[in-house]
Amino acid sequence: MPERSGAPEIDALERAFAEAHEGGNGYAFASAPIAVSALLDLLDSGAHILVSEGLQADTYRMIEGIRRRSAGLRVGFVDMADLAAVEQALTSETRLLWIETLAGPRLSDPDLRAVARLARERDVYTAVDVSAATHVRSRPLEQGVHIVYSSAPGLSLGGVAGGTRGGLVAFAAEPGFAEDRFAFLQRAYDALPEPDQAAALLDALERIPEEMAARTACAGELAELLAGETFVSELLFPERGAAELSVVFEGTAGEVASALARLDLFTQALSAGRPGTYWHYARRTYEAVPDEIRLALGIPDGIVRFGVPAGEAPELLDDFRRAFG
């Protein structure tokens, strides 16, 4: 069991995040990378893990750029929405599935219950990043997942806590050795948020339902409007709805980048999914990858992921028409 911080703001944040996900205990960290690092420290050196294709940049850097070398992690990438591919990628040495909801440029949306059931049959832990979906759209712990995680940007909606860093973790209600170990790691890292940081995140957490309802409604309407535009080659919007959508625009990567720069109501994101931002994969995630390899990986020049703000869809459509028309 975790030791309480002694700061009421931090305790309230941890409790609220756990309750939002119908979990047991919550844990708050001063930064998202520290939270991810602590979760990875649950694994033995040299462990094999499977992670979602199209990971958020910060998580990718921590797993692939740091822990693969420092902890000898063996990392496999898989589309978690393809259950057969997940089953094939699992080995007798796999210890963790790191799953993102609405992952990558095509907003891959896995069946968490099916993935969690498969993992439990193999005695493999599951951790789900709900930074993009939030607890409004996805409650993984109710579907058999062991651990849920969110970065502060996933809570920074509508400008609330917009400059706040942090990471939040909740475990399923079933206690176990892994959570005992994690509670120890939280104390060992000495990386709790400051009380004012925790208060800002709690404020954002409490406002998520209203914000996400408005954003999801706007995104659904915008998807319908954009689908008929000549500058749109393909539009990707999850069947269950979301506050994000992806668009494959006509044109080269350079032409699309120039048009994106002309948008007034969207700006370039620091991490994919923030409201009112875009993430152009050819110029960000795959900028250093040769074009022929990127295209072979299924990443076209014009694919862009948008975090839709709470606004008027026709106004957003006009912005796209001005930029791409």
Protein backbone atom coordinates (compact mmCIF):
# COMPACT_ATOMS: atom_id res chain seq x y z
CA MET A 1 0.00 0.00 0.00
CA PRO A 2 1.28 3.52 -0.76
CA GLU A 3 2.32 5.93 1.93
CA ARG A 4 0.36 9.16 1.72
CA SER A 5 2.37 12.26 0.82
CA GLY A 6 1.11 14.40 3.67
CA ALA A 7 0.10 17.09 1.16
CA PRO A 8 -3.71 17.15 0.80
CA GLU A 9 -3.52 18.38 -2.82
CA ILE A 10 -1.38 15.42 -3.88
CA ASP A 11 -3.45 12.90 -1.94
CA ALA A 12 -6.66 14.29 -3.48
CA LEU A 13 -5.20 14.08 -7.00
CA GLU A 14 -4.05 10.48 -6.57
CA ARG A 15 -7.39 9.46 -5.09
CA ALA A 16 -9.39 11.22 -7.83
CA PHE A 17 -7.38 9.65 -10.66
CA ALA A 18 -7.82 6.17 -9.18
CA GLU A 19 -11.55 6.72 -8.65
CA ALA A 20 -11.98 8.05 -12.21
CA HIS A 21 -10.67 4.72 -13.47
CA GLU A 22 -12.44 2.56 -10.87
CA GLY A 23 -9.03 1.48 -9.63
CA GLY A 24 -7.38 0.82 -6.32
CA ASN A 25 -4.58 3.29 -5.59
CA GLY A 26 -3.32 6.27 -7.55
CA TYR A 27 0.22 7.63 -7.83
CA ALA A 28 1.30 11.12 -8.92
CA PHE A 29 4.69 12.10 -10.31
CA ALA A 30 6.28 15.46 -11.06
CA SER A 31 6.83 14.51 -14.70
CA ALA A 32 5.46 11.98 -17.16
CA PRO A 33 8.89 10.49 -18.06
CA ILE A 34 9.55 9.75 -14.37
CA ALA A 35 6.22 7.94 -14.12
CA VAL A 36 7.04 5.88 -17.21
CA SER A 37 10.53 5.19 -15.88
CA ALA A 38 9.11 3.93 -12.57
CA LEU A 39 6.72 1.60 -14.41
CA LEU A 40 9.57 0.19 -16.48
CA ASP A 41 11.55 -0.36 -13.29
CA LEU A 42 8.99 -3.00 -12.34
CA LEU A 43 10.68 -5.19 -14.96
CA ASP A 44 13.84 -7.21 -14.56
CA SER A 45 16.85 -6.27 -16.66
CA GLY A 46 16.65 -7.83 -20.11
CA ALA A 47 12.86 -8.33 -20.03
CA HIS A 48 10.91 -8.56 -23.27
CA ILE A 49 8.08 -6.07 -23.73
CA LEU A 50 5.59 -5.36 -26.51
CA VAL A 51 4.54 -1.78 -27.16
CA SER A 52 2.01 -0.12 -29.42
CA GLU A 53 3.16 1.03 -32.83
CA GLY A 54 3.16 4.81 -33.07
CA LEU A 55 4.03 5.51 -29.43
CA GLN A 56 3.92 9.06 -28.13
CA ALA A 57 7.35 10.63 -28.60
CA ASP A 58 8.21 10.94 -24.89
CA THR A 59 7.33 7.32 -24.20
CA TYR A 60 9.21 6.11 -27.26
CA ARG A 61 12.34 7.96 -26.17
CA MET A 62 12.17 6.49 -22.67
CA ILE A 63 11.62 2.90 -23.84
CA GLU A 64 13.63 2.73 -27.04
CA GLY A 65 16.21 5.48 -26.56
CA ILE A 66 17.03 4.96 -22.87
CA ARG A 67 15.78 1.74 -21.29
CA ARG A 68 16.64 -0.55 -24.19
CA ARG A 69 20.26 0.31 -23.47
CA SER A 70 20.33 1.04 -19.73
CA ALA A 71 18.16 -1.93 -18.70
CA GLY A 72 18.69 -4.19 -21.70
CA LEU A 73 14.98 -4.24 -22.48
CA ARG A 74 14.06 -6.20 -25.57
CA VAL A 75 11.33 -4.25 -27.31
CA GLY A 76 8.85 -5.34 -29.95
CA PHE A 77 6.36 -3.06 -31.71
CA VAL A 78 2.91 -4.27 -32.68
CA ASP A 79 -0.49 -2.91 -33.68
CA MET A 80 -2.44 -3.68 -30.52
CA ALA A 81 -5.70 -3.45 -32.50
CA ASP A 82 -4.62 -6.59 -34.38
CA LEU A 83 -5.16 -9.31 -31.78
CA ALA A 84 -3.67 -12.02 -33.99
CA ALA A 85 -0.51 -9.96 -34.41
CA VAL A 86 -0.28 -9.44 -30.64
CA GLU A 87 -0.67 -13.17 -30.00
CA GLN A 88 2.01 -13.97 -32.56
CA ALA A 89 4.42 -11.39 -31.09
CA LEU A 90 4.07 -12.68 -27.51
CA THR A 91 6.88 -14.93 -26.32
CA SER A 92 7.47 -16.97 -23.18
CA GLU A 93 9.73 -14.14 -22.00
CA THR A 94 7.27 -11.27 -22.56
CA ARG A 95 6.60 -9.47 -19.29
CA LEU A 96 4.64 -6.35 -20.28
CA LEU A 97 2.28 -5.03 -22.94
CA TRP A 98 2.44 -1.23 -23.15
CA ILE A 99 -0.71 -0.16 -24.96
CA GLU A 100 -1.75 3.26 -26.21
CA THR A 101 -5.39 4.02 -26.88
CA LEU A 102 -5.78 5.98 -30.12
CA ALA A 103 -2.21 5.17 -31.09
CA GLY A 104 -0.19 6.51 -33.97
CA PRO A 105 -1.19 8.35 -37.10
CA ARG A 106 -4.16 6.07 -37.81
CA LEU A 107 -5.54 6.28 -34.27
CA SER A 108 -5.34 2.54 -33.66
CA ASP A 109 -8.09 1.65 -31.18
CA PRO A 110 -7.46 -1.77 -29.57
CA ASP A 111 -10.04 -4.03 -27.96
CA LEU A 112 -8.61 -3.71 -24.45
CA ARG A 113 -10.74 -6.46 -22.97
CA ALA A 114 -9.52 -8.96 -25.56
CA VAL A 115 -5.88 -7.90 -25.25
CA ALA A 116 -6.04 -7.99 -21.44
CA ARG A 117 -7.59 -11.47 -21.50
CA LEU A 118 -4.85 -12.72 -23.81
CA ALA A 119 -2.15 -11.17 -21.59
CA ARG A 120 -3.57 -12.67 -18.41
CA GLU A 121 -3.65 -16.10 -20.03
CA ARG A 122 0.11 -15.69 -20.61
CA ASP A 123 0.79 -14.17 -17.16
CA VAL A 124 1.83 -10.86 -18.75
CA TYR A 125 1.22 -7.45 -17.20
CA THR A 126 -0.68 -4.79 -19.16
CA ALA A 127 -0.29 -1.02 -18.90
CA VAL A 128 -2.48 1.35 -20.91
CA ASP A 129 -1.69 4.97 -21.73
CA VAL A 130 -4.99 6.88 -21.77
CA SER A 131 -3.44 10.32 -22.26
CA ALA A 132 -5.33 10.81 -25.53
CA ALA A 133 -8.59 9.07 -24.68
CA THR A 134 -8.90 9.99 -20.96
CA HIS A 135 -11.18 8.10 -18.58
CA VAL A 136 -14.24 9.52 -20.36
CA ARG A 137 -13.64 7.29 -23.38
CA SER A 138 -11.60 4.46 -21.94
CA ARG A 139 -11.47 2.78 -18.52
CA PRO A 140 -8.96 -0.01 -19.04
CA LEU A 141 -8.97 -1.27 -15.44
CA GLU A 142 -12.63 -2.22 -15.85
CA GLN A 143 -11.63 -4.35 -18.84
CA GLY A 144 -9.01 -6.43 -17.10
CA VAL A 145 -5.93 -4.24 -17.55
CA HIS A 146 -3.50 -4.09 -14.62
CA ILE A 147 -2.22 -0.50 -14.83
CA VAL A 148 -3.42 2.78 -16.34
CA TYR A 149 -1.23 5.81 -17.02
CA SER A 150 -1.77 9.39 -18.19
CA SER A 151 0.62 12.23 -18.85
CA ALA A 152 -0.25 15.75 -17.78
CA PRO A 153 -0.90 16.89 -21.39
CA GLY A 154 -3.72 14.34 -21.43
CA LEU A 155 -5.36 16.36 -18.65
CA SER A 156 -4.49 19.79 -20.02
CA LEU A 157 -7.74 20.52 -21.78
CA GLY A 158 -9.04 23.89 -22.83
CA GLY A 159 -6.00 25.64 -21.42
CA VAL A 160 -6.45 24.16 -17.94
CA ALA A 161 -3.06 23.22 -16.48
CA GLY A 162 -1.64 23.92 -19.92
CA GLY A 163 1.88 24.51 -18.64
CA THR A 164 1.79 21.79 -16.02
CA ARG A 165 3.98 18.70 -16.23
CA GLY A 166 3.26 15.44 -14.50
CA GLY A 167 2.31 11.80 -14.77
CA LEU A 168 -0.45 9.80 -13.11
CA VAL A 169 -0.72 6.05 -12.55
CA ALA A 170 -3.46 3.85 -11.11
CA PHE A 171 -3.48 0.13 -10.42
CA ALA A 172 -6.39 -2.27 -10.57
CA ALA A 173 -8.06 -2.88 -7.22
CA GLU A 174 -6.39 -6.26 -6.84
CA PRO A 175 -3.26 -5.69 -4.70
CA GLY A 176 -0.04 -7.45 -5.56
CA PHE A 177 3.72 -7.46 -5.46
CA ALA A 178 4.03 -5.20 -8.52
CA GLU A 179 2.07 -2.42 -6.84
CA ASP A 180 4.03 -2.78 -3.60
CA ARG A 181 7.20 -2.44 -5.66
CA PHE A 182 5.79 0.57 -7.50
CA ALA A 183 4.85 2.34 -4.26
CA PHE A 184 8.44 1.84 -3.12
CA LEU A 185 9.74 3.25 -6.41
CA GLN A 186 7.57 6.35 -6.11
CA ARG A 187 9.15 7.08 -2.73
CA ALA A 188 12.64 6.17 -3.96
CA TYR A 189 12.41 8.55 -6.92
CA ASP A 190 11.39 11.39 -4.57
CA ALA A 191 9.48 12.84 -7.52
CA LEU A 192 6.07 13.87 -6.20
CA PRO A 193 4.50 16.94 -7.81
CA GLU A 194 4.43 20.21 -5.93
CA PRO A 195 1.09 20.90 -4.20
CA ASP A 196 0.16 23.70 -6.62
CA GLN A 197 1.01 21.44 -9.57
CA ALA A 198 -1.20 18.72 -8.10
CA ALA A 199 -4.04 21.19 -7.56
CA ALA A 200 -3.87 22.32 -11.20
CA LEU A 201 -3.97 18.73 -12.43
CA LEU A 202 -6.89 17.90 -10.15
CA ASP A 203 -8.78 20.90 -11.53
CA ALA A 204 -8.14 19.64 -15.06
CA LEU A 205 -9.15 16.10 -14.14
CA GLU A 206 -12.48 17.30 -12.77
CA ARG A 207 -13.21 19.27 -15.96
CA ILE A 208 -12.41 16.46 -18.37
CA PRO A 209 -15.97 15.10 -18.84
CA GLU A 210 -17.39 18.45 -19.97
CA GLU A 211 -14.37 19.30 -22.11
CA MET A 212 -14.20 15.89 -23.79
CA ALA A 213 -17.91 15.89 -24.59
CA ALA A 214 -17.55 19.22 -26.38
CA ARG A 215 -14.36 18.22 -28.18
CA THR A 216 -15.73 14.84 -29.29
CA ALA A 217 -18.91 16.40 -30.67
CA CYS A 218 -16.87 18.98 -32.57
CA ALA A 219 -14.49 16.33 -33.92
CA GLY A 220 -17.35 14.16 -35.17
CA GLU A 221 -18.96 17.06 -37.02
CA LEU A 222 -15.62 18.20 -38.42
CA ALA A 223 -14.88 14.68 -39.70
CA GLU A 224 -18.14 14.67 -41.65
CA LEU A 225 -17.41 18.09 -43.11
CA LEU A 226 -13.82 17.34 -44.10
CA ALA A 227 -14.69 14.03 -45.75
CA GLY A 228 -16.11 15.84 -48.78
CA GLU A 229 -13.20 18.23 -49.37
CA THR A 230 -11.05 17.80 -52.48
CA PHE A 231 -7.80 18.41 -50.57
CA VAL A 232 -8.51 15.39 -48.33
CA SER A 233 -7.33 12.02 -49.64
CA GLU A 234 -8.39 9.99 -46.59
CA LEU A 235 -10.02 10.75 -43.26
CA LEU A 236 -9.53 8.60 -40.16
CA PHE A 237 -11.96 8.88 -37.26
CA PRO A 238 -12.59 6.12 -34.69
CA GLU A 239 -15.96 4.39 -34.86
CA ARG A 240 -16.58 5.03 -31.16
CA GLY A 241 -15.80 8.70 -31.56
CA ALA A 242 -12.87 10.67 -30.17
CA ALA A 243 -11.59 14.18 -29.62
CA GLU A 244 -9.03 13.61 -32.37
CA LEU A 245 -8.97 12.78 -36.04
CA SER A 246 -6.31 12.11 -38.64
CA VAL A 247 -6.31 13.38 -42.21
CA VAL A 248 -4.28 12.29 -45.22
CA PHE A 249 -3.96 15.43 -47.32
CA GLU A 250 -3.21 15.58 -51.02
CA GLY A 251 0.28 16.81 -51.91
CA THR A 252 3.90 16.28 -50.96
CA ALA A 253 5.19 16.50 -47.40
CA GLY A 254 6.54 19.97 -48.12
CA GLU A 255 3.26 21.20 -49.59
CA VAL A 256 1.29 19.84 -46.65
CA ALA A 257 3.72 21.40 -44.16
CA SER A 258 3.33 24.79 -45.85
CA ALA A 259 -0.46 24.54 -45.73
CA LEU A 260 -0.42 23.52 -42.06
CA ALA A 261 1.63 26.60 -41.25
CA ARG A 262 -1.21 28.72 -42.66
CA LEU A 263 -3.76 27.36 -40.18
CA ASP A 264 -4.94 29.91 -37.63
CA LEU A 265 -6.86 27.64 -35.25
CA PHE A 266 -4.30 24.82 -35.01
CA THR A 267 -0.63 25.00 -34.07
CA GLN A 268 2.19 22.47 -34.19
CA ALA A 269 2.00 20.14 -31.20
CA LEU A 270 4.71 19.33 -28.68
CA SER A 271 2.99 15.95 -28.27
CA ALA A 272 0.21 14.51 -30.41
CA GLY A 273 -3.37 14.98 -29.29
CA ARG A 274 -3.37 18.29 -27.45
CA PRO A 275 -6.50 20.33 -28.33
CA GLY A 276 -5.98 22.84 -31.11
CA THR A 277 -2.77 21.21 -32.35
CA TYR A 278 -1.52 19.05 -35.21
CA TRP A 279 1.23 16.46 -35.59
CA HIS A 280 2.62 16.00 -39.10
CA TYR A 281 4.27 12.57 -39.02
CA ALA A 282 6.45 12.99 -42.12
CA ARG A 283 8.03 16.11 -40.61
CA ARG A 284 8.14 15.06 -36.95
CA THR A 285 8.24 11.38 -36.02
CA TYR A 286 9.72 10.25 -39.35
CA GLU A 287 11.67 13.36 -40.32
CA ALA A 288 15.02 11.54 -40.29
CA VAL A 289 13.66 8.41 -42.01
CA PRO A 290 14.28 8.16 -45.78
CA ASP A 291 11.07 8.72 -47.74
CA GLU A 292 11.07 5.26 -49.32
CA ILE A 293 11.32 3.57 -45.91
CA ARG A 294 8.66 5.83 -44.39
CA LEU A 295 6.29 5.08 -47.25
CA ALA A 296 7.01 1.35 -46.94
CA LEU A 297 6.00 1.64 -43.27
CA GLY A 298 2.62 3.00 -44.37
CA ILE A 299 3.23 6.65 -43.45
CA PRO A 300 2.22 8.82 -46.43
CA ASP A 301 3.49 12.36 -46.96
CA GLY A 302 0.23 13.99 -45.97
CA ILE A 303 -0.94 12.15 -42.85
CA VAL A 304 -1.58 14.54 -39.96
CA ARG A 305 -3.14 13.94 -36.55
CA PHE A 306 -5.28 16.73 -35.08
CA GLY A 307 -6.33 17.33 -31.50
CA VAL A 308 -9.70 18.98 -32.04
CA PRO A 309 -10.59 21.85 -29.69
CA ALA A 310 -13.99 22.52 -28.19
CA GLY A 311 -15.33 24.88 -30.82
CA GLU A 312 -17.54 25.28 -33.87
CA ALA A 313 -16.81 22.74 -36.60
CA PRO A 314 -17.82 25.06 -39.49
CA GLU A 315 -15.32 27.64 -38.25
CA LEU A 316 -12.59 25.00 -38.16
CA LEU A 317 -13.56 23.86 -41.67
CA ASP A 318 -13.16 27.43 -42.93
CA ASP A 319 -9.67 27.47 -41.45
CA PHE A 320 -8.78 24.28 -43.35
CA ARG A 321 -10.20 25.69 -46.57
CA ARG A 322 -8.15 28.88 -46.23
CA ALA A 323 -4.98 26.90 -45.59
CA PHE A 324 -5.40 24.10 -48.12
CA GLY A 325 -7.70 25.61 -50.72
